[in-house]
Amino acid sequence: MRDDQYIKLKALSEKLTDVALIEADPANWSGEGADLSKAERGVRGDRYWCKKNAAATLTMLMKIHSLTGMIERGLLLPPAEPAGDGGESDLDKEVRAAEREATSLLKQIQKRQRDRTN
């Protein structure tokens, strides 16, 4: 992730925190302290949807905090350049190891099959 993207996420986090505080306040939900008719609730919005929207905003805020936290802990840094291993990445090493294991398992299965037929 680029530095400018990280900075934008931090700014968005601040904005969402303000919004979440407003949306999560029951005093701002429809029908607070009033006996509304069904038609009035329809115009002002249902209390359920106010709660649901507040929960969705908090979820988004938590995901942004999680992402920025991983960046701050260094978990989303670009991969380091390999040191003299021919440019082979960790993923390439894992793929090769998995291929070796698959080949070994295939040979074992074929050997068992031959042993059964003999």
PDB file of N, CA and C in Angstrom:
ATOM      1  N   MET A   1       0.838  -1.163   0.000  1.00  0.00           N
ATOM      2  CA  MET A   1       0.000   0.000   0.000  1.00  0.00           C
ATOM      3  C   MET A   1       0.892   1.238   0.000  1.00  0.00           C
ATOM      4  N   ARG A   2       0.480   2.197  -0.788  1.00  0.00           N
ATOM      5  CA  ARG A   2       1.263   3.432  -0.879  1.00  0.00           C
ATOM      6  C   ARG A   2       1.015   4.309   0.340  1.00  0.00           C
ATOM      7  N   ASP A   3       1.971   5.186   0.610  1.00  0.00           N
ATOM      8  CA  ASP A   3       1.851   6.091   1.745  1.00  0.00           C
ATOM      9  C   ASP A   3       0.617   6.983   1.637  1.00  0.00           C
ATOM     10  N   ASP A   4       0.328   7.482   0.432  1.00  0.00           N
ATOM     11  CA  ASP A   4      -0.832   8.360   0.269  1.00  0.00           C
ATOM     12  C   ASP A   4      -2.140   7.613   0.557  1.00  0.00           C
ATOM     13  N   GLN A   5      -2.190   6.337   0.216  1.00  0.00           N
ATOM     14  CA  GLN A   5      -3.385   5.541   0.502  1.00  0.00           C
ATOM     15  C   GLN A   5      -3.548   5.337   2.006  1.00  0.00           C
ATOM     16  N   TYR A   6      -2.439   5.089   2.679  1.00  0.00           N
ATOM     17  CA  TYR A   6      -2.472   4.920   4.131  1.00  0.00           C
ATOM     18  C   TYR A   6      -2.975   6.201   4.798  1.00  0.00           C
ATOM     19  N   ILE A   7      -2.483   7.339   4.355  1.00  0.00           N
ATOM     20  CA  ILE A   7      -2.893   8.630   4.919  1.00  0.00           C
ATOM     21  C   ILE A   7      -4.387   8.865   4.679  1.00  0.00           C
ATOM     22  N   LYS A   8      -4.869   8.500   3.491  1.00  0.00           N
ATOM     23  CA  LYS A   8      -6.299   8.646   3.190  1.00  0.00           C
ATOM     24  C   LYS A   8      -7.140   7.739   4.080  1.00  0.00           C
ATOM     25  N   LEU A   9      -6.660   6.525   4.339  1.00  0.00           N
ATOM     26  CA  LEU A   9      -7.385   5.611   5.232  1.00  0.00           C
ATOM     27  C   LEU A   9      -7.454   6.169   6.650  1.00  0.00           C
ATOM     28  N   LYS A  10      -6.374   6.762   7.116  1.00  0.00           N
ATOM     29  CA  LYS A  10      -6.369   7.352   8.459  1.00  0.00           C
ATOM     30  C   LYS A  10      -7.360   8.513   8.533  1.00  0.00           C
ATOM     31  N   ALA A  11      -7.408   9.349   7.483  1.00  0.00           N
ATOM     32  CA  ALA A  11      -8.348  10.466   7.457  1.00  0.00           C
ATOM     33  C   ALA A  11      -9.787   9.949   7.409  1.00  0.00           C
ATOM     34  N   LEU A  12     -10.025   8.910   6.613  1.00  0.00           N
ATOM     35  CA  LEU A  12     -11.352   8.315   6.526  1.00  0.00           C
ATOM     36  C   LEU A  12     -11.761   7.728   7.877  1.00  0.00           C
ATOM     37  N   SER A  13     -10.817   7.151   8.578  1.00  0.00           N
ATOM     38  CA  SER A  13     -11.083   6.597   9.899  1.00  0.00           C
ATOM     39  C   SER A  13     -11.577   7.680  10.849  1.00  0.00           C
ATOM     40  N   GLU A  14     -10.960   8.853  10.793  1.00  0.00           N
ATOM     41  CA  GLU A  14     -11.390   9.964  11.644  1.00  0.00           C
ATOM     42  C   GLU A  14     -12.814  10.389  11.308  1.00  0.00           C
ATOM     43  N   LYS A  15     -13.114  10.499  10.020  1.00  0.00           N
ATOM     44  CA  LYS A  15     -14.459  10.893   9.595  1.00  0.00           C
ATOM     45  C   LYS A  15     -15.495   9.853  10.025  1.00  0.00           C
ATOM     46  N   LEU A  16     -15.168   8.573   9.814  1.00  0.00           N
ATOM     47  CA  LEU A  16     -16.098   7.505  10.159  1.00  0.00           C
ATOM     48  C   LEU A  16     -16.326   7.424  11.669  1.00  0.00           C
ATOM     49  N   THR A  17     -15.319   7.749  12.454  1.00  0.00           N
ATOM     50  CA  THR A  17     -15.486   7.751  13.902  1.00  0.00           C
ATOM     51  C   THR A  17     -16.537   8.783  14.302  1.00  0.00           C
ATOM     52  N   ASP A  18     -16.450   9.974  13.717  1.00  0.00           N
ATOM     53  CA  ASP A  18     -17.452  11.005  14.001  1.00  0.00           C
ATOM     54  C   ASP A  18     -18.849  10.546  13.587  1.00  0.00           C
ATOM     55  N   VAL A  19     -18.953   9.963  12.400  1.00  0.00           N
ATOM     56  CA  VAL A  19     -20.248   9.486  11.903  1.00  0.00           C
ATOM     57  C   VAL A  19     -20.778   8.365  12.794  1.00  0.00           C
ATOM     58  N   ALA A  20     -19.908   7.431  13.169  1.00  0.00           N
ATOM     59  CA  ALA A  20     -20.329   6.298  13.999  1.00  0.00           C
ATOM     60  C   ALA A  20     -20.851   6.769  15.353  1.00  0.00           C
ATOM     61  N   LEU A  21     -20.208   7.774  15.926  1.00  0.00           N
ATOM     62  CA  LEU A  21     -20.671   8.300  17.212  1.00  0.00           C
ATOM     63  C   LEU A  21     -22.067   8.901  17.097  1.00  0.00           C
ATOM     64  N   ILE A  22     -22.332   9.575  16.012  1.00  0.00           N
ATOM     65  CA  ILE A  22     -23.659  10.162  15.799  1.00  0.00           C
ATOM     66  C   ILE A  22     -24.690   9.069  15.533  1.00  0.00           C
ATOM     67  N   GLU A  23     -24.351   8.135  14.639  1.00  0.00           N
ATOM     68  CA  GLU A  23     -25.309   7.089  14.265  1.00  0.00           C
ATOM     69  C   GLU A  23     -25.603   6.124  15.411  1.00  0.00           C
ATOM     70  N   ALA A  24     -24.638   5.874  16.279  1.00  0.00           N
ATOM     71  CA  ALA A  24     -24.830   4.903  17.354  1.00  0.00           C
ATOM     72  C   ALA A  24     -25.593   5.490  18.539  1.00  0.00           C
ATOM     73  N   ASP A  25     -25.785   6.790  18.566  1.00  0.00           N
ATOM     74  CA  ASP A  25     -26.505   7.433  19.661  1.00  0.00           C
ATOM     75  C   ASP A  25     -28.008   7.191  19.508  1.00  0.00           C
ATOM     76  N   PRO A  26     -28.629   6.485  20.452  1.00  0.00           N
ATOM     77  CA  PRO A  26     -30.060   6.185  20.340  1.00  0.00           C
ATOM     78  C   PRO A  26     -30.935   7.438  20.238  1.00  0.00           C
ATOM     79  N   ALA A  27     -30.448   8.553  20.722  1.00  0.00           N
ATOM     80  CA  ALA A  27     -31.230   9.786  20.632  1.00  0.00           C
ATOM     81  C   ALA A  27     -31.417  10.215  19.178  1.00  0.00           C
ATOM     82  N   ASN A  28     -30.567   9.727  18.287  1.00  0.00           N
ATOM     83  CA  ASN A  28     -30.661  10.092  16.871  1.00  0.00           C
ATOM     84  C   ASN A  28     -31.460   9.081  16.052  1.00  0.00           C
ATOM     85  N   TRP A  29     -31.944   8.015  16.687  1.00  0.00           N
ATOM     86  CA  TRP A  29     -32.709   7.018  15.964  1.00  0.00           C
ATOM     87  C   TRP A  29     -34.155   7.477  15.811  1.00  0.00           C
ATOM     88  N   SER A  30     -34.782   6.991  14.798  1.00  0.00           N
ATOM     89  CA  SER A  30     -36.184   7.333  14.556  1.00  0.00           C
ATOM     90  C   SER A  30     -37.049   6.905  15.724  1.00  0.00           C
ATOM     91  N   GLY A  31     -38.029   7.752  16.049  1.00  0.00           N
ATOM     92  CA  GLY A  31     -38.998   7.394  17.066  1.00  0.00           C
ATOM     93  C   GLY A  31     -38.518   7.560  18.482  1.00  0.00           C
ATOM     94  N   GLU A  32     -37.339   8.125  18.692  1.00  0.00           N
ATOM     95  CA  GLU A  32     -36.828   8.279  20.047  1.00  0.00           C
ATOM     96  C   GLU A  32     -37.715   9.235  20.833  1.00  0.00           C
ATOM     97  N   GLY A  33     -38.261   8.762  21.938  1.00  0.00           N
ATOM     98  CA  GLY A  33     -39.042   9.590  22.832  1.00  0.00           C
ATOM     99  C   GLY A  33     -40.391  10.000  22.275  1.00  0.00           C
ATOM    100  N   ALA A  34     -40.831   9.374  21.211  1.00  0.00           N
ATOM    101  CA  ALA A  34     -42.114   9.770  20.634  1.00  0.00           C
ATOM    102  C   ALA A  34     -42.899   8.530  20.273  1.00  0.00           C
ATOM    103  N   ASP A  35     -44.191   8.684  20.279  1.00  0.00           N
ATOM    104  CA  ASP A  35     -45.073   7.612  19.845  1.00  0.00           C
ATOM    105  C   ASP A  35     -45.478   7.918  18.413  1.00  0.00           C
ATOM    106  N   LEU A  36     -44.767   7.327  17.460  1.00  0.00           N
ATOM    107  CA  LEU A  36     -45.022   7.632  16.053  1.00  0.00           C
ATOM    108  C   LEU A  36     -45.975   6.612  15.443  1.00  0.00           C
ATOM    109  N   SER A  37     -46.787   7.096  14.538  1.00  0.00           N
ATOM    110  CA  SER A  37     -47.634   6.170  13.789  1.00  0.00           C
ATOM    111  C   SER A  37     -46.774   5.476  12.742  1.00  0.00           C
ATOM    112  N   LYS A  38     -47.317   4.435  12.153  1.00  0.00           N
ATOM    113  CA  LYS A  38     -46.582   3.701  11.129  1.00  0.00           C
ATOM    114  C   LYS A  38     -46.213   4.623   9.968  1.00  0.00           C
ATOM    115  N   ALA A  39     -47.102   5.512   9.581  1.00  0.00           N
ATOM    116  CA  ALA A  39     -46.824   6.439   8.479  1.00  0.00           C
ATOM    117  C   ALA A  39     -45.696   7.389   8.840  1.00  0.00           C
ATOM    118  N   GLU A  40     -45.683   7.870  10.093  1.00  0.00           N
ATOM    119  CA  GLU A  40     -44.609   8.782  10.519  1.00  0.00           C
ATOM    120  C   GLU A  40     -43.265   8.064  10.562  1.00  0.00           C
ATOM    121  N   ARG A  41     -43.297   6.801  11.000  1.00  0.00           N
ATOM    122  CA  ARG A  41     -42.043   6.023  11.005  1.00  0.00           C
ATOM    123  C   ARG A  41     -41.533   5.841   9.586  1.00  0.00           C
ATOM    124  N   GLY A  42     -42.447   5.633   8.645  1.00  0.00           N
ATOM    125  CA  GLY A  42     -42.050   5.459   7.252  1.00  0.00           C
ATOM    126  C   GLY A  42     -41.375   6.688   6.699  1.00  0.00           C
ATOM    127  N   VAL A  43     -41.856   7.857   7.103  1.00  0.00           N
ATOM    128  CA  VAL A  43     -41.268   9.111   6.633  1.00  0.00           C
ATOM    129  C   VAL A  43     -39.909   9.343   7.286  1.00  0.00           C
ATOM    130  N   ARG A  44     -39.826   9.087   8.575  1.00  0.00           N
ATOM    131  CA  ARG A  44     -38.586   9.357   9.317  1.00  0.00           C
ATOM    132  C   ARG A  44     -37.610   8.189   9.271  1.00  0.00           C
ATOM    133  N   GLY A  45     -38.042   7.052   8.814  1.00  0.00           N
ATOM    134  CA  GLY A  45     -37.180   5.871   8.779  1.00  0.00           C
ATOM    135  C   GLY A  45     -37.406   5.017  10.009  1.00  0.00           C
ATOM    136  N   ASP A  46     -37.228   3.744   9.866  1.00  0.00           N
ATOM    137  CA  ASP A  46     -37.447   2.847  10.998  1.00  0.00           C
ATOM    138  C   ASP A  46     -36.228   2.817  11.905  1.00  0.00           C
ATOM    139  N   ARG A  47     -36.497   2.622  13.162  1.00  0.00           N
ATOM    140  CA  ARG A  47     -35.446   2.519  14.172  1.00  0.00           C
ATOM    141  C   ARG A  47     -34.480   1.370  13.853  1.00  0.00           C
ATOM    142  N   TYR A  48     -35.018   0.291  13.362  1.00  0.00           N
ATOM    143  CA  TYR A  48     -34.203  -0.872  13.010  1.00  0.00           C
ATOM    144  C   TYR A  48     -33.119  -0.495  11.992  1.00  0.00           C
ATOM    145  N   TRP A  49     -33.496   0.259  10.982  1.00  0.00           N
ATOM    146  CA  TRP A  49     -32.540   0.627   9.947  1.00  0.00           C
ATOM    147  C   TRP A  49     -31.501   1.601  10.474  1.00  0.00           C
ATOM    148  N   CYS A  50     -31.888   2.421  11.422  1.00  0.00           N
ATOM    149  CA  CYS A  50     -30.915   3.320  12.046  1.00  0.00           C
ATOM    150  C   CYS A  50     -29.849   2.513  12.780  1.00  0.00           C
ATOM    151  N   LYS A  51     -30.302   1.493  13.506  1.00  0.00           N
ATOM    152  CA  LYS A  51     -29.356   0.631  14.226  1.00  0.00           C
ATOM    153  C   LYS A  51     -28.471  -0.135  13.242  1.00  0.00           C
ATOM    154  N   LYS A  52     -29.099  -0.641  12.198  1.00  0.00           N
ATOM    155  CA  LYS A  52     -28.356  -1.421  11.214  1.00  0.00           C
ATOM    156  C   LYS A  52     -27.291  -0.556  10.515  1.00  0.00           C
ATOM    157  N   ASN A  53     -27.639   0.663  10.187  1.00  0.00           N
ATOM    158  CA  ASN A  53     -26.694   1.565   9.541  1.00  0.00           C
ATOM    159  C   ASN A  53     -25.538   1.902  10.484  1.00  0.00           C
ATOM    160  N   ALA A  54     -25.851   2.133  11.760  1.00  0.00           N
ATOM    161  CA  ALA A  54     -24.807   2.407  12.745  1.00  0.00           C
ATOM    162  C   ALA A  54     -23.860   1.214  12.863  1.00  0.00           C
ATOM    163  N   ALA A  55     -24.425   0.010  12.877  1.00  0.00           N
ATOM    164  CA  ALA A  55     -23.597  -1.200  12.967  1.00  0.00           C
ATOM    165  C   ALA A  55     -22.714  -1.351  11.732  1.00  0.00           C
ATOM    166  N   ALA A  56     -23.247  -1.038  10.556  1.00  0.00           N
ATOM    167  CA  ALA A  56     -22.460  -1.138   9.325  1.00  0.00           C
ATOM    168  C   ALA A  56     -21.316  -0.120   9.331  1.00  0.00           C
ATOM    169  N   THR A  57     -21.571   1.068   9.818  1.00  0.00           N
ATOM    170  CA  THR A  57     -20.524   2.086   9.904  1.00  0.00           C
ATOM    171  C   THR A  57     -19.436   1.640  10.867  1.00  0.00           C
ATOM    172  N   LEU A  58     -19.836   1.079  12.002  1.00  0.00           N
ATOM    173  CA  LEU A  58     -18.847   0.583  12.963  1.00  0.00           C
ATOM    174  C   LEU A  58     -18.032  -0.569  12.385  1.00  0.00           C
ATOM    175  N   THR A  59     -18.665  -1.434  11.620  1.00  0.00           N
ATOM    176  CA  THR A  59     -17.953  -2.536  10.980  1.00  0.00           C
ATOM    177  C   THR A  59     -16.903  -2.006  10.013  1.00  0.00           C
ATOM    178  N   MET A  60     -17.293  -1.041   9.207  1.00  0.00           N
ATOM    179  CA  MET A  60     -16.347  -0.454   8.262  1.00  0.00           C
ATOM    180  C   MET A  60     -15.191   0.213   9.007  1.00  0.00           C
ATOM    181  N   LEU A  61     -15.512   0.912  10.084  1.00  0.00           N
ATOM    182  CA  LEU A  61     -14.486   1.568  10.883  1.00  0.00           C
ATOM    183  C   LEU A  61     -13.518   0.548  11.477  1.00  0.00           C
ATOM    184  N   MET A  62     -14.049  -0.567  11.977  1.00  0.00           N
ATOM    185  CA  MET A  62     -13.196  -1.614  12.544  1.00  0.00           C
ATOM    186  C   MET A  62     -12.282  -2.218  11.491  1.00  0.00           C
ATOM    187  N   LYS A  63     -12.797  -2.426  10.279  1.00  0.00           N
ATOM    188  CA  LYS A  63     -11.968  -2.993   9.208  1.00  0.00           C
ATOM    189  C   LYS A  63     -10.851  -2.030   8.815  1.00  0.00           C
ATOM    190  N   ILE A  64     -11.155  -0.752   8.770  1.00  0.00           N
ATOM    191  CA  ILE A  64     -10.112   0.236   8.442  1.00  0.00           C
ATOM    192  C   ILE A  64      -9.076   0.275   9.552  1.00  0.00           C
ATOM    193  N   HIS A  65      -9.525   0.234  10.816  1.00  0.00           N
ATOM    194  CA  HIS A  65      -8.579   0.212  11.936  1.00  0.00           C
ATOM    195  C   HIS A  65      -7.708  -1.042  11.884  1.00  0.00           C
ATOM    196  N   SER A  66      -8.296  -2.152  11.534  1.00  0.00           N
ATOM    197  CA  SER A  66      -7.532  -3.389  11.420  1.00  0.00           C
ATOM    198  C   SER A  66      -6.464  -3.279  10.334  1.00  0.00           C
ATOM    199  N   LEU A  67      -6.859  -2.752   9.195  1.00  0.00           N
ATOM    200  CA  LEU A  67      -5.930  -2.605   8.073  1.00  0.00           C
ATOM    201  C   LEU A  67      -4.808  -1.636   8.414  1.00  0.00           C
ATOM    202  N   THR A  68      -5.149  -0.481   8.963  1.00  0.00           N
ATOM    203  CA  THR A  68      -4.100   0.484   9.305  1.00  0.00           C
ATOM    204  C   THR A  68      -3.223  -0.052  10.436  1.00  0.00           C
ATOM    205  N   GLY A  69      -3.819  -0.830  11.333  1.00  0.00           N
ATOM    206  CA  GLY A  69      -3.024  -1.443  12.401  1.00  0.00           C
ATOM    207  C   GLY A  69      -2.009  -2.437  11.861  1.00  0.00           C
ATOM    208  N   MET A  70      -2.416  -3.224  10.860  1.00  0.00           N
ATOM    209  CA  MET A  70      -1.470  -4.169  10.249  1.00  0.00           C
ATOM    210  C   MET A  70      -0.339  -3.416   9.568  1.00  0.00           C
ATOM    211  N   ILE A  71      -0.665  -2.310   8.929  1.00  0.00           N
ATOM    212  CA  ILE A  71       0.372  -1.504   8.269  1.00  0.00           C
ATOM    213  C   ILE A  71       1.332  -0.973   9.319  1.00  0.00           C
ATOM    214  N   GLU A  72       0.795  -0.453  10.422  1.00  0.00           N
ATOM    215  CA  GLU A  72       1.636   0.111  11.481  1.00  0.00           C
ATOM    216  C   GLU A  72       2.518  -0.938  12.132  1.00  0.00           C
ATOM    217  N   ARG A  73       2.046  -2.179  12.207  1.00  0.00           N
ATOM    218  CA  ARG A  73       2.856  -3.258  12.786  1.00  0.00           C
ATOM    219  C   ARG A  73       3.819  -3.858  11.774  1.00  0.00           C
ATOM    220  N   GLY A  74       3.746  -3.366  10.537  1.00  0.00           N
ATOM    221  CA  GLY A  74       4.680  -3.836   9.522  1.00  0.00           C
ATOM    222  C   GLY A  74       4.266  -5.113   8.842  1.00  0.00           C
ATOM    223  N   LEU A  75       3.005  -5.511   8.969  1.00  0.00           N
ATOM    224  CA  LEU A  75       2.572  -6.763   8.375  1.00  0.00           C
ATOM    225  C   LEU A  75       2.216  -6.637   6.903  1.00  0.00           C
ATOM    226  N   LEU A  76       2.036  -5.411   6.417  1.00  0.00           N
ATOM    227  CA  LEU A  76       1.696  -5.222   5.007  1.00  0.00           C
ATOM    228  C   LEU A  76       2.790  -4.479   4.257  1.00  0.00           C
ATOM    229  N   LEU A  77       3.999  -4.631   4.724  1.00  0.00           N
ATOM    230  CA  LEU A  77       5.122  -3.998   4.032  1.00  0.00           C
ATOM    231  C   LEU A  77       5.420  -4.764   2.755  1.00  0.00           C
ATOM    232  N   PRO A  78       5.979  -4.083   1.756  1.00  0.00           N
ATOM    233  CA  PRO A  78       6.354  -4.814   0.552  1.00  0.00           C
ATOM    234  C   PRO A  78       7.389  -5.875   0.892  1.00  0.00           C
ATOM    235  N   PRO A  79       7.362  -7.004   0.201  1.00  0.00           N
ATOM    236  CA  PRO A  79       8.319  -8.071   0.517  1.00  0.00           C
ATOM    237  C   PRO A  79       9.748  -7.609   0.299  1.00  0.00           C
ATOM    238  N   ALA A  80      10.600  -8.053   1.185  1.00  0.00           N
ATOM    239  CA  ALA A  80      12.017  -7.703   1.076  1.00  0.00           C
ATOM    240  C   ALA A  80      12.634  -8.408  -0.121  1.00  0.00           C
ATOM    241  N   GLU A  81      13.647  -7.790  -0.670  1.00  0.00           N
ATOM    242  CA  GLU A  81      14.351  -8.394  -1.798  1.00  0.00           C
ATOM    243  C   GLU A  81      15.079  -9.644  -1.321  1.00  0.00           C
ATOM    244  N   PRO A  82      14.999 -10.730  -2.062  1.00  0.00           N
ATOM    245  CA  PRO A  82      15.705 -11.944  -1.662  1.00  0.00           C
ATOM    246  C   PRO A  82      17.215 -11.727  -1.664  1.00  0.00           C
ATOM    247  N   ALA A  83      17.882 -12.345  -0.722  1.00  0.00           N
ATOM    248  CA  ALA A  83      19.327 -12.160  -0.590  1.00  0.00           C
ATOM    249  C   ALA A  83      20.065 -13.302  -1.267  1.00  0.00           C
ATOM    250  N   GLY A  84      20.390 -13.131  -2.520  1.00  0.00           N
ATOM    251  CA  GLY A  84      21.238 -14.070  -3.240  1.00  0.00           C
ATOM    252  C   GLY A  84      20.631 -15.435  -3.504  1.00  0.00           C
ATOM    253  N   ASP A  85      19.333 -15.580  -3.567  1.00  0.00           N
ATOM    254  CA  ASP A  85      18.749 -16.883  -3.849  1.00  0.00           C
ATOM    255  C   ASP A  85      18.226 -16.961  -5.273  1.00  0.00           C
ATOM    256  N   GLY A  86      18.790 -16.170  -6.163  1.00  0.00           N
ATOM    257  CA  GLY A  86      18.414 -16.243  -7.566  1.00  0.00           C
ATOM    258  C   GLY A  86      17.088 -15.562  -7.868  1.00  0.00           C
ATOM    259  N   GLY A  87      16.609 -14.700  -6.975  1.00  0.00           N
ATOM    260  CA  GLY A  87      15.371 -13.985  -7.227  1.00  0.00           C
ATOM    261  C   GLY A  87      14.123 -14.796  -6.956  1.00  0.00           C
ATOM    262  N   GLU A  88      14.264 -15.897  -6.268  1.00  0.00           N
ATOM    263  CA  GLU A  88      13.121 -16.759  -6.002  1.00  0.00           C
ATOM    264  C   GLU A  88      12.356 -16.226  -4.786  1.00  0.00           C
ATOM    265  N   SER A  89      11.059 -16.030  -4.942  1.00  0.00           N
ATOM    266  CA  SER A  89      10.248 -15.507  -3.847  1.00  0.00           C
ATOM    267  C   SER A  89       9.830 -16.640  -2.910  1.00  0.00           C
ATOM    268  N   ASP A  90       9.296 -16.247  -1.763  1.00  0.00           N
ATOM    269  CA  ASP A  90       8.794 -17.240  -0.803  1.00  0.00           C
ATOM    270  C   ASP A  90       7.680 -18.065  -1.419  1.00  0.00           C
ATOM    271  N   LEU A  91       6.840 -17.409  -2.216  1.00  0.00           N
ATOM    272  CA  LEU A  91       5.740 -18.124  -2.862  1.00  0.00           C
ATOM    273  C   LEU A  91       6.279 -19.191  -3.820  1.00  0.00           C
ATOM    274  N   ASP A  92       7.319 -18.838  -4.580  1.00  0.00           N
ATOM    275  CA  ASP A  92       7.925 -19.813  -5.488  1.00  0.00           C
ATOM    276  C   ASP A  92       8.464 -21.014  -4.705  1.00  0.00           C
ATOM    277  N   LYS A  93       9.080 -20.737  -3.562  1.00  0.00           N
ATOM    278  CA  LYS A  93       9.616 -21.820  -2.736  1.00  0.00           C
ATOM    279  C   LYS A  93       8.494 -22.720  -2.224  1.00  0.00           C
ATOM    280  N   GLU A  94       7.397 -22.092  -1.777  1.00  0.00           N
ATOM    281  CA  GLU A  94       6.255 -22.868  -1.285  1.00  0.00           C
ATOM    282  C   GLU A  94       5.648 -23.720  -2.392  1.00  0.00           C
ATOM    283  N   VAL A  95       5.541 -23.154  -3.593  1.00  0.00           N
ATOM    284  CA  VAL A  95       4.974 -23.897  -4.722  1.00  0.00           C
ATOM    285  C   VAL A  95       5.855 -25.087  -5.050  1.00  0.00           C
ATOM    286  N   ARG A  96       7.155 -24.855  -5.090  1.00  0.00           N
ATOM    287  CA  ARG A  96       8.073 -25.953  -5.391  1.00  0.00           C
ATOM    288  C   ARG A  96       8.006 -27.043  -4.334  1.00  0.00           C
ATOM    289  N   ALA A  97       7.928 -26.663  -3.062  1.00  0.00           N
ATOM    290  CA  ALA A  97       7.835 -27.653  -1.984  1.00  0.00           C
ATOM    291  C   ALA A  97       6.528 -28.444  -2.099  1.00  0.00           C
ATOM    292  N   ALA A  98       5.434 -27.755  -2.414  1.00  0.00           N
ATOM    293  CA  ALA A  98       4.149 -28.439  -2.574  1.00  0.00           C
ATOM    294  C   ALA A  98       4.187 -29.385  -3.763  1.00  0.00           C
ATOM    295  N   GLU A  99       4.838 -28.985  -4.839  1.00  0.00           N
ATOM    296  CA  GLU A  99       4.961 -29.853  -6.017  1.00  0.00           C
ATOM    297  C   GLU A  99       5.778 -31.095  -5.685  1.00  0.00           C
ATOM    298  N   ARG A 100       6.855 -30.930  -4.910  1.00  0.00           N
ATOM    299  CA  ARG A 100       7.667 -32.083  -4.503  1.00  0.00           C
ATOM    300  C   ARG A 100       6.846 -33.039  -3.650  1.00  0.00           C
ATOM    301  N   GLU A 101       6.079 -32.470  -2.716  1.00  0.00           N
ATOM    302  CA  GLU A 101       5.258 -33.306  -1.856  1.00  0.00           C
ATOM    303  C   GLU A 101       4.187 -34.044  -2.668  1.00  0.00           C
ATOM    304  N   ALA A 102       3.577 -33.352  -3.618  1.00  0.00           N
ATOM    305  CA  ALA A 102       2.551 -33.978  -4.464  1.00  0.00           C
ATOM    306  C   ALA A 102       3.163 -35.100  -5.293  1.00  0.00           C
ATOM    307  N   THR A 103       4.342 -34.880  -5.830  1.00  0.00           N
ATOM    308  CA  THR A 103       5.023 -35.907  -6.614  1.00  0.00           C
ATOM    309  C   THR A 103       5.335 -37.116  -5.743  1.00  0.00           C
ATOM    310  N   SER A 104       5.787 -36.866  -4.526  1.00  0.00           N
ATOM    311  CA  SER A 104       6.099 -37.950  -3.605  1.00  0.00           C
ATOM    312  C   SER A 104       4.842 -38.757  -3.272  1.00  0.00           C
ATOM    313  N   LEU A 105       3.747 -38.065  -2.993  1.00  0.00           N
ATOM    314  CA  LEU A 105       2.492 -38.756  -2.691  1.00  0.00           C
ATOM    315  C   LEU A 105       2.005 -39.566  -3.889  1.00  0.00           C
ATOM    316  N   LEU A 106       2.121 -38.999  -5.068  1.00  0.00           N
ATOM    317  CA  LEU A 106       1.710 -39.699  -6.284  1.00  0.00           C
ATOM    318  C   LEU A 106       2.533 -40.970  -6.478  1.00  0.00           C
ATOM    319  N   LYS A 107       3.828 -40.896  -6.228  1.00  0.00           N
ATOM    320  CA  LYS A 107       4.678 -42.086  -6.350  1.00  0.00           C
ATOM    321  C   LYS A 107       4.277 -43.155  -5.334  1.00  0.00           C
ATOM    322  N   GLN A 108       3.945 -42.733  -4.115  1.00  0.00           N
ATOM    323  CA  GLN A 108       3.515 -43.687  -3.093  1.00  0.00           C
ATOM    324  C   GLN A 108       2.219 -44.380  -3.501  1.00  0.00           C
ATOM    325  N   ILE A 109       1.284 -43.613  -4.020  1.00  0.00           N
ATOM    326  CA  ILE A 109       0.005 -44.179  -4.460  1.00  0.00           C
ATOM    327  C   ILE A 109       0.218 -45.155  -5.606  1.00  0.00           C
ATOM    328  N   GLN A 110       1.074 -44.789  -6.566  1.00  0.00           N
ATOM    329  CA  GLN A 110       1.347 -45.663  -7.701  1.00  0.00           C
ATOM    330  C   GLN A 110       2.022 -46.947  -7.236  1.00  0.00           C
ATOM    331  N   LYS A 111       2.933 -46.833  -6.264  1.00  0.00           N
ATOM    332  CA  LYS A 111       3.622 -48.010  -5.747  1.00  0.00           C
ATOM    333  C   LYS A 111       2.622 -48.946  -5.060  1.00  0.00           C
ATOM    334  N   ARG A 112       1.709 -48.373  -4.260  1.00  0.00           N
ATOM    335  CA  ARG A 112       0.696 -49.186  -3.594  1.00  0.00           C
ATOM    336  C   ARG A 112      -0.196 -49.886  -4.616  1.00  0.00           C
ATOM    337  N   GLN A 113      -0.530 -49.171  -5.670  1.00  0.00           N
ATOM    338  CA  GLN A 113      -1.379 -49.753  -6.716  1.00  0.00           C
ATOM    339  C   GLN A 113      -0.656 -50.913  -7.392  1.00  0.00           C
ATOM    340  N   ARG A 114       0.636 -50.731  -7.694  1.00  0.00           N
ATOM    341  CA  ARG A 114       1.417 -51.814  -8.304  1.00  0.00           C
ATOM    342  C   ARG A 114       1.518 -53.002  -7.375  1.00  0.00           C
ATOM    343  N   ASP A 115       1.716 -52.754  -6.064  1.00  0.00           N
ATOM    344  CA  ASP A 115       1.826 -53.823  -5.089  1.00  0.00           C
ATOM    345  C   ASP A 115       0.516 -54.616  -4.994  1.00  0.00           C
ATOM    346  N   ARG A 116      -0.604 -53.950  -5.130  1.00  0.00           N
ATOM    347  CA  ARG A 116      -1.895 -54.623  -5.071  1.00  0.00           C
ATOM    348  C   ARG A 116      -2.134 -55.500  -6.286  1.00  0.00           C
ATOM    349  N   THR A 117      -1.687 -55.060  -7.442  1.00  0.00           N
ATOM    350  CA  THR A 117      -1.927 -55.806  -8.683  1.00  0.00           C
ATOM    351  C   THR A 117      -0.950 -56.958  -8.834  1.00  0.00           C
ATOM    352  N   ASN A 118       0.149 -56.961  -8.128  1.00  0.00           N
ATOM    353  CA  ASN A 118       1.151 -58.055  -8.249  1.00  0.00           C
ATOM    354  C   ASN A 118       0.900 -59.166  -7.325  1.00  0.00           C
TER     355      ASN A 118
END
